[in-house]
């Protein structure tokens, strides 16, 4: 595996760990954001692993998945939820991005769902790359 891909994958695992720790602390918005970051970095790891010279600068998980569909197939239920996970990049952090107060508006169920999606993405990408 290319070093760049390995580095992206390591960071994906670190973000997933942060998502789980934030869940335990009750910081559900940060849990969702870290889960989004984990999935994003995993998909970028896959792009780097299949020869892309640089990771793309866009953050949309649906678009990233479209770029790697030829390399990996996510379960349909996970692929269909990438848009939900992608939205946490902004709504989990900014009060003007949909929720008046992300720290109070995001629920434990949303955080658990975000972690579930991200963990499956990271594991599938790791399996493909190793």
N, C-alpha and C. Protein backbone atom coordinates (compact mmCIF):
# COMPACT_ATOMS: atom_id res chain seq x y z
N UNK A 1 0.85 -1.17 0.00
CA UNK A 1 0.00 0.00 0.00
C UNK A 1 0.90 1.24 0.00
N UNK A 2 0.54 2.22 -0.80
CA UNK A 2 1.29 3.48 -0.84
C UNK A 2 1.27 4.15 0.52
N UNK A 3 2.36 4.79 0.87
CA UNK A 3 2.47 5.47 2.16
C UNK A 3 1.37 6.52 2.32
N UNK A 4 1.08 7.25 1.26
CA UNK A 4 0.04 8.28 1.33
C UNK A 4 -1.31 7.66 1.69
N UNK A 5 -1.62 6.54 1.07
CA UNK A 5 -2.89 5.86 1.35
C UNK A 5 -2.91 5.38 2.80
N UNK A 6 -1.82 4.83 3.25
CA UNK A 6 -1.72 4.35 4.63
C UNK A 6 -1.92 5.50 5.62
N UNK A 7 -1.32 6.64 5.33
CA UNK A 7 -1.48 7.80 6.22
C UNK A 7 -2.93 8.26 6.28
N UNK A 8 -3.61 8.31 5.13
CA UNK A 8 -5.02 8.70 5.12
C UNK A 8 -5.85 7.69 5.92
N UNK A 9 -5.55 6.41 5.76
CA UNK A 9 -6.30 5.38 6.48
C UNK A 9 -6.07 5.46 7.99
N UNK A 10 -4.83 5.71 8.39
CA UNK A 10 -4.54 5.87 9.83
C UNK A 10 -5.35 7.03 10.42
N UNK A 11 -5.42 8.11 9.67
CA UNK A 11 -6.19 9.27 10.15
C UNK A 11 -7.69 8.97 10.19
N UNK A 12 -8.16 8.16 9.27
CA UNK A 12 -9.56 7.74 9.29
C UNK A 12 -9.85 6.98 10.58
N UNK A 13 -8.97 6.05 10.94
CA UNK A 13 -9.16 5.30 12.18
C UNK A 13 -9.09 6.22 13.40
N UNK A 14 -8.18 7.20 13.38
CA UNK A 14 -8.07 8.15 14.50
C UNK A 14 -9.36 8.96 14.63
N UNK A 15 -9.92 9.39 13.51
CA UNK A 15 -11.17 10.15 13.56
C UNK A 15 -12.33 9.29 14.05
N UNK A 16 -12.34 8.03 13.66
CA UNK A 16 -13.39 7.13 14.13
C UNK A 16 -13.29 6.94 15.65
N UNK A 17 -12.08 6.82 16.14
CA UNK A 17 -11.87 6.73 17.60
C UNK A 17 -12.39 8.00 18.28
N UNK A 18 -12.10 9.15 17.70
CA UNK A 18 -12.57 10.42 18.26
C UNK A 18 -14.10 10.47 18.26
N UNK A 19 -14.72 9.97 17.19
CA UNK A 19 -16.18 9.94 17.12
C UNK A 19 -16.76 9.11 18.26
N UNK A 20 -16.16 7.97 18.52
CA UNK A 20 -16.65 7.10 19.60
C UNK A 20 -16.42 7.73 20.97
N UNK A 21 -15.27 8.37 21.15
CA UNK A 21 -15.00 9.04 22.42
C UNK A 21 -15.96 10.20 22.65
N UNK A 22 -16.26 10.94 21.59
CA UNK A 22 -17.20 12.06 21.71
C UNK A 22 -18.60 11.55 22.05
N UNK A 23 -18.96 10.40 21.50
CA UNK A 23 -20.25 9.80 21.82
C UNK A 23 -20.33 9.50 23.31
N UNK A 24 -19.28 8.91 23.86
CA UNK A 24 -19.25 8.58 25.29
C UNK A 24 -19.36 9.82 26.17
N UNK A 25 -18.81 10.93 25.70
CA UNK A 25 -18.84 12.19 26.46
C UNK A 25 -20.15 12.94 26.29
N UNK A 26 -20.99 12.50 25.37
CA UNK A 26 -22.24 13.21 25.12
C UNK A 26 -22.11 14.35 24.14
N UNK A 27 -20.96 14.46 23.49
CA UNK A 27 -20.75 15.50 22.48
C UNK A 27 -21.17 14.94 21.12
N UNK A 28 -22.47 14.83 20.92
CA UNK A 28 -23.01 14.14 19.75
C UNK A 28 -22.70 14.87 18.45
N UNK A 29 -22.66 16.20 18.49
CA UNK A 29 -22.33 16.92 17.27
C UNK A 29 -20.89 16.64 16.84
N UNK A 30 -19.97 16.61 17.79
CA UNK A 30 -18.58 16.31 17.45
C UNK A 30 -18.41 14.85 17.03
N UNK A 31 -19.20 13.99 17.59
CA UNK A 31 -19.20 12.60 17.19
C UNK A 31 -19.58 12.48 15.71
N UNK A 32 -20.62 13.19 15.32
CA UNK A 32 -21.07 13.15 13.92
C UNK A 32 -20.03 13.75 12.99
N UNK A 33 -19.42 14.87 13.39
CA UNK A 33 -18.40 15.49 12.55
C UNK A 33 -17.19 14.56 12.39
N UNK A 34 -16.73 13.97 13.49
CA UNK A 34 -15.58 13.08 13.41
C UNK A 34 -15.89 11.83 12.58
N UNK A 35 -17.11 11.35 12.65
CA UNK A 35 -17.51 10.20 11.82
C UNK A 35 -17.47 10.58 10.35
N UNK A 36 -17.95 11.78 10.02
CA UNK A 36 -17.88 12.25 8.63
C UNK A 36 -16.43 12.31 8.17
N UNK A 37 -15.57 12.84 9.02
CA UNK A 37 -14.16 12.94 8.68
C UNK A 37 -13.53 11.56 8.48
N UNK A 38 -13.90 10.60 9.29
CA UNK A 38 -13.37 9.24 9.16
C UNK A 38 -13.74 8.64 7.81
N UNK A 39 -14.98 8.77 7.41
CA UNK A 39 -15.41 8.22 6.13
C UNK A 39 -14.74 8.95 4.97
N UNK A 40 -14.64 10.27 5.07
CA UNK A 40 -13.99 11.05 4.02
C UNK A 40 -12.54 10.62 3.85
N UNK A 41 -11.82 10.51 4.94
CA UNK A 41 -10.41 10.14 4.86
C UNK A 41 -10.22 8.71 4.38
N UNK A 42 -11.13 7.82 4.73
CA UNK A 42 -11.05 6.44 4.23
C UNK A 42 -11.24 6.41 2.72
N UNK A 43 -12.23 7.12 2.22
CA UNK A 43 -12.45 7.14 0.77
C UNK A 43 -11.28 7.79 0.04
N UNK A 44 -10.70 8.81 0.63
CA UNK A 44 -9.52 9.43 0.03
C UNK A 44 -8.32 8.49 0.10
N UNK A 45 -8.22 7.69 1.15
CA UNK A 45 -7.16 6.68 1.23
C UNK A 45 -7.28 5.71 0.07
N UNK A 46 -8.50 5.31 -0.24
CA UNK A 46 -8.71 4.40 -1.35
C UNK A 46 -8.29 5.04 -2.67
N UNK A 47 -8.65 6.29 -2.87
CA UNK A 47 -8.23 6.99 -4.09
C UNK A 47 -6.71 7.03 -4.19
N UNK A 48 -6.04 7.31 -3.09
CA UNK A 48 -4.58 7.34 -3.09
C UNK A 48 -4.02 5.94 -3.33
N UNK A 49 -4.68 4.95 -2.78
CA UNK A 49 -4.21 3.57 -2.92
C UNK A 49 -4.33 3.02 -4.33
N UNK A 50 -5.22 3.59 -5.12
CA UNK A 50 -5.38 3.11 -6.50
C UNK A 50 -4.68 4.02 -7.51
N UNK A 51 -3.83 4.90 -7.00
CA UNK A 51 -2.97 5.64 -7.91
C UNK A 51 -3.21 7.13 -8.06
N UNK A 52 -4.22 7.66 -7.41
CA UNK A 52 -4.42 9.11 -7.49
C UNK A 52 -3.22 9.79 -6.85
N UNK A 53 -2.68 10.80 -7.48
CA UNK A 53 -1.48 11.46 -6.96
C UNK A 53 -1.77 12.32 -5.74
N UNK A 54 -2.94 12.96 -5.74
CA UNK A 54 -3.32 13.80 -4.61
C UNK A 54 -4.77 13.53 -4.27
N UNK A 55 -5.08 13.68 -3.00
CA UNK A 55 -6.47 13.54 -2.58
C UNK A 55 -7.26 14.75 -3.06
N UNK A 56 -8.48 14.54 -3.52
CA UNK A 56 -9.28 15.68 -3.95
C UNK A 56 -9.62 16.60 -2.78
N UNK A 57 -9.89 17.85 -3.09
CA UNK A 57 -10.18 18.82 -2.04
C UNK A 57 -11.65 18.93 -1.69
N UNK A 58 -12.50 18.20 -2.40
CA UNK A 58 -13.93 18.28 -2.06
C UNK A 58 -14.25 17.31 -0.93
N UNK A 59 -15.38 17.57 -0.26
CA UNK A 59 -15.73 16.86 0.97
C UNK A 59 -16.96 15.99 0.85
N UNK A 60 -17.64 16.06 -0.26
CA UNK A 60 -18.92 15.37 -0.46
C UNK A 60 -18.69 13.86 -0.53
N UNK A 61 -19.19 13.13 0.45
CA UNK A 61 -18.98 11.69 0.51
C UNK A 61 -19.64 10.96 -0.64
N UNK A 62 -20.77 11.45 -1.11
CA UNK A 62 -21.45 10.82 -2.24
C UNK A 62 -20.57 10.93 -3.49
N UNK A 63 -20.01 12.10 -3.71
CA UNK A 63 -19.13 12.30 -4.87
C UNK A 63 -17.85 11.47 -4.72
N UNK A 64 -17.28 11.45 -3.53
CA UNK A 64 -16.08 10.62 -3.31
C UNK A 64 -16.38 9.16 -3.60
N UNK A 65 -17.53 8.69 -3.14
CA UNK A 65 -17.89 7.30 -3.39
C UNK A 65 -18.08 7.05 -4.89
N UNK A 66 -18.67 7.99 -5.59
CA UNK A 66 -18.81 7.86 -7.04
C UNK A 66 -17.45 7.68 -7.70
N UNK A 67 -16.44 8.36 -7.18
CA UNK A 67 -15.08 8.27 -7.73
C UNK A 67 -14.42 6.92 -7.46
N UNK A 68 -14.86 6.20 -6.44
CA UNK A 68 -14.21 4.93 -6.09
C UNK A 68 -15.08 3.70 -6.33
N UNK A 69 -16.28 3.90 -6.87
CA UNK A 69 -17.20 2.76 -7.06
C UNK A 69 -16.58 1.63 -7.86
N UNK A 70 -15.69 1.95 -8.78
CA UNK A 70 -15.04 0.90 -9.56
C UNK A 70 -14.07 0.07 -8.75
N UNK A 71 -13.67 0.57 -7.61
CA UNK A 71 -12.69 -0.12 -6.76
C UNK A 71 -13.32 -0.86 -5.59
N UNK A 72 -14.43 -0.35 -5.10
CA UNK A 72 -15.05 -0.94 -3.91
C UNK A 72 -16.56 -0.73 -3.98
N UNK A 73 -17.28 -1.70 -3.49
CA UNK A 73 -18.74 -1.63 -3.46
C UNK A 73 -19.18 -1.61 -2.00
N UNK A 74 -19.81 -0.51 -1.61
CA UNK A 74 -20.38 -0.43 -0.26
C UNK A 74 -21.74 -1.10 -0.25
N UNK A 75 -22.15 -1.67 0.88
CA UNK A 75 -23.51 -2.18 0.98
C UNK A 75 -24.50 -1.06 0.65
N UNK A 76 -25.58 -1.42 0.00
CA UNK A 76 -26.55 -0.42 -0.46
C UNK A 76 -27.05 0.47 0.67
N UNK A 77 -27.31 -0.11 1.85
CA UNK A 77 -27.82 0.71 2.95
C UNK A 77 -26.80 1.74 3.41
N UNK A 78 -25.52 1.42 3.31
CA UNK A 78 -24.47 2.37 3.69
C UNK A 78 -24.32 3.43 2.60
N UNK A 79 -24.28 3.01 1.35
CA UNK A 79 -24.15 3.96 0.24
C UNK A 79 -25.29 4.97 0.25
N UNK A 80 -26.49 4.51 0.57
CA UNK A 80 -27.66 5.40 0.58
C UNK A 80 -27.61 6.41 1.73
N UNK A 81 -26.80 6.15 2.74
CA UNK A 81 -26.73 7.04 3.91
C UNK A 81 -25.51 7.96 3.90
N UNK A 82 -24.73 7.91 2.83
CA UNK A 82 -23.55 8.76 2.75
C UNK A 82 -23.91 10.24 2.73
N UNK A 83 -25.02 10.58 2.10
CA UNK A 83 -25.45 11.98 2.07
C UNK A 83 -25.75 12.50 3.46
N UNK A 84 -26.41 11.67 4.26
CA UNK A 84 -26.69 12.03 5.66
C UNK A 84 -25.39 12.30 6.40
N UNK A 85 -24.44 11.38 6.27
CA UNK A 85 -23.17 11.53 6.96
C UNK A 85 -22.42 12.75 6.45
N UNK A 86 -22.45 12.97 5.16
CA UNK A 86 -21.76 14.11 4.56
C UNK A 86 -22.27 15.44 5.11
N UNK A 87 -23.55 15.51 5.40
CA UNK A 87 -24.14 16.77 5.89
C UNK A 87 -23.57 17.21 7.23
N UNK A 88 -23.03 16.28 7.99
CA UNK A 88 -22.51 16.63 9.31
C UNK A 88 -21.23 17.46 9.23
N UNK A 89 -20.63 17.54 8.06
CA UNK A 89 -19.44 18.39 7.92
C UNK A 89 -19.77 19.82 8.33
N UNK A 90 -20.97 20.28 7.99
CA UNK A 90 -21.35 21.65 8.35
C UNK A 90 -22.37 21.70 9.48
N UNK A 91 -23.44 20.92 9.39
CA UNK A 91 -24.52 21.10 10.38
C UNK A 91 -24.12 20.70 11.79
N UNK A 92 -23.08 19.90 11.94
CA UNK A 92 -22.64 19.50 13.27
C UNK A 92 -21.78 20.57 13.94
N UNK A 93 -21.40 21.59 13.17
CA UNK A 93 -20.47 22.59 13.71
C UNK A 93 -21.00 24.02 13.71
N UNK A 94 -21.82 24.36 12.74
CA UNK A 94 -22.19 25.76 12.56
C UNK A 94 -23.65 26.02 12.88
N UNK A 95 -23.93 27.00 13.75
CA UNK A 95 -25.32 27.27 14.11
C UNK A 95 -26.15 27.85 12.97
N UNK A 96 -25.53 28.30 11.92
CA UNK A 96 -26.29 28.84 10.79
C UNK A 96 -26.41 27.85 9.64
N UNK A 97 -26.10 26.59 9.90
CA UNK A 97 -26.11 25.58 8.84
C UNK A 97 -27.29 24.62 8.94
N UNK A 98 -28.31 25.00 9.65
CA UNK A 98 -29.49 24.15 9.73
C UNK A 98 -30.04 23.98 11.13
N UNK A 99 -29.16 23.92 12.09
CA UNK A 99 -29.59 23.79 13.49
C UNK A 99 -29.20 25.05 14.23
N UNK A 100 -30.08 25.54 15.06
CA UNK A 100 -29.76 26.74 15.84
C UNK A 100 -28.58 26.49 16.78
N UNK A 101 -28.48 25.27 17.29
CA UNK A 101 -27.40 24.94 18.21
C UNK A 101 -27.03 23.47 18.01
N UNK A 102 -26.01 23.22 17.18
CA UNK A 102 -25.64 21.82 16.91
C UNK A 102 -25.31 21.03 18.18
N UNK A 103 -24.73 21.68 19.16
CA UNK A 103 -24.35 20.96 20.38
C UNK A 103 -25.57 20.48 21.16
N UNK A 104 -26.71 21.09 20.91
CA UNK A 104 -27.94 20.67 21.59
C UNK A 104 -28.91 19.95 20.65
N UNK A 105 -28.77 20.15 19.36
CA UNK A 105 -29.76 19.64 18.42
C UNK A 105 -29.49 18.25 17.87
N UNK A 106 -28.24 17.82 17.90
CA UNK A 106 -27.91 16.49 17.36
C UNK A 106 -28.07 15.47 18.47
N UNK A 107 -28.73 14.37 18.15
CA UNK A 107 -29.09 13.37 19.15
C UNK A 107 -28.11 12.21 19.20
N UNK A 108 -28.22 11.43 20.25
CA UNK A 108 -27.40 10.22 20.38
C UNK A 108 -27.68 9.25 19.23
N UNK A 109 -28.93 9.17 18.80
CA UNK A 109 -29.26 8.27 17.69
C UNK A 109 -28.58 8.69 16.40
N UNK A 110 -28.51 9.98 16.16
CA UNK A 110 -27.81 10.47 14.97
C UNK A 110 -26.32 10.15 15.07
N UNK A 111 -25.75 10.35 16.24
CA UNK A 111 -24.33 10.07 16.43
C UNK A 111 -24.02 8.59 16.26
N UNK A 112 -24.86 7.74 16.82
CA UNK A 112 -24.66 6.29 16.67
C UNK A 112 -24.77 5.88 15.20
N UNK A 113 -25.72 6.45 14.49
CA UNK A 113 -25.89 6.15 13.08
C UNK A 113 -24.67 6.61 12.27
N UNK A 114 -24.18 7.81 12.57
CA UNK A 114 -23.02 8.34 11.86
C UNK A 114 -21.80 7.44 12.08
N UNK A 115 -21.60 7.00 13.30
CA UNK A 115 -20.48 6.11 13.61
C UNK A 115 -20.63 4.78 12.89
N UNK A 116 -21.83 4.25 12.86
CA UNK A 116 -22.07 2.98 12.16
C UNK A 116 -21.69 3.09 10.69
N UNK A 117 -22.14 4.14 10.04
CA UNK A 117 -21.83 4.33 8.62
C UNK A 117 -20.32 4.46 8.43
N UNK A 118 -19.70 5.34 9.19
CA UNK A 118 -18.27 5.59 9.04
C UNK A 118 -17.44 4.34 9.30
N UNK A 119 -17.80 3.60 10.33
CA UNK A 119 -17.03 2.40 10.67
C UNK A 119 -17.08 1.37 9.55
N UNK A 120 -18.24 1.22 8.95
CA UNK A 120 -18.34 0.27 7.84
C UNK A 120 -17.51 0.73 6.65
N UNK A 121 -17.53 2.02 6.36
CA UNK A 121 -16.74 2.55 5.25
C UNK A 121 -15.25 2.31 5.51
N UNK A 122 -14.79 2.66 6.70
CA UNK A 122 -13.37 2.52 7.03
C UNK A 122 -12.94 1.06 6.95
N UNK A 123 -13.73 0.16 7.49
CA UNK A 123 -13.38 -1.26 7.47
C UNK A 123 -13.35 -1.82 6.05
N UNK A 124 -14.31 -1.44 5.23
CA UNK A 124 -14.35 -1.93 3.85
C UNK A 124 -13.15 -1.40 3.07
N UNK A 125 -12.81 -0.14 3.26
CA UNK A 125 -11.66 0.43 2.57
C UNK A 125 -10.38 -0.25 3.04
N UNK A 126 -10.24 -0.45 4.34
CA UNK A 126 -9.04 -1.11 4.86
C UNK A 126 -8.90 -2.51 4.26
N UNK A 127 -9.98 -3.24 4.19
CA UNK A 127 -9.94 -4.58 3.61
C UNK A 127 -9.49 -4.54 2.15
N UNK A 128 -9.97 -3.55 1.42
CA UNK A 128 -9.60 -3.42 0.01
C UNK A 128 -8.12 -3.07 -0.14
N UNK A 129 -7.62 -2.24 0.75
CA UNK A 129 -6.24 -1.76 0.61
C UNK A 129 -5.19 -2.73 1.16
N UNK A 130 -5.61 -3.67 2.01
CA UNK A 130 -4.61 -4.56 2.61
C UNK A 130 -4.70 -5.97 2.06
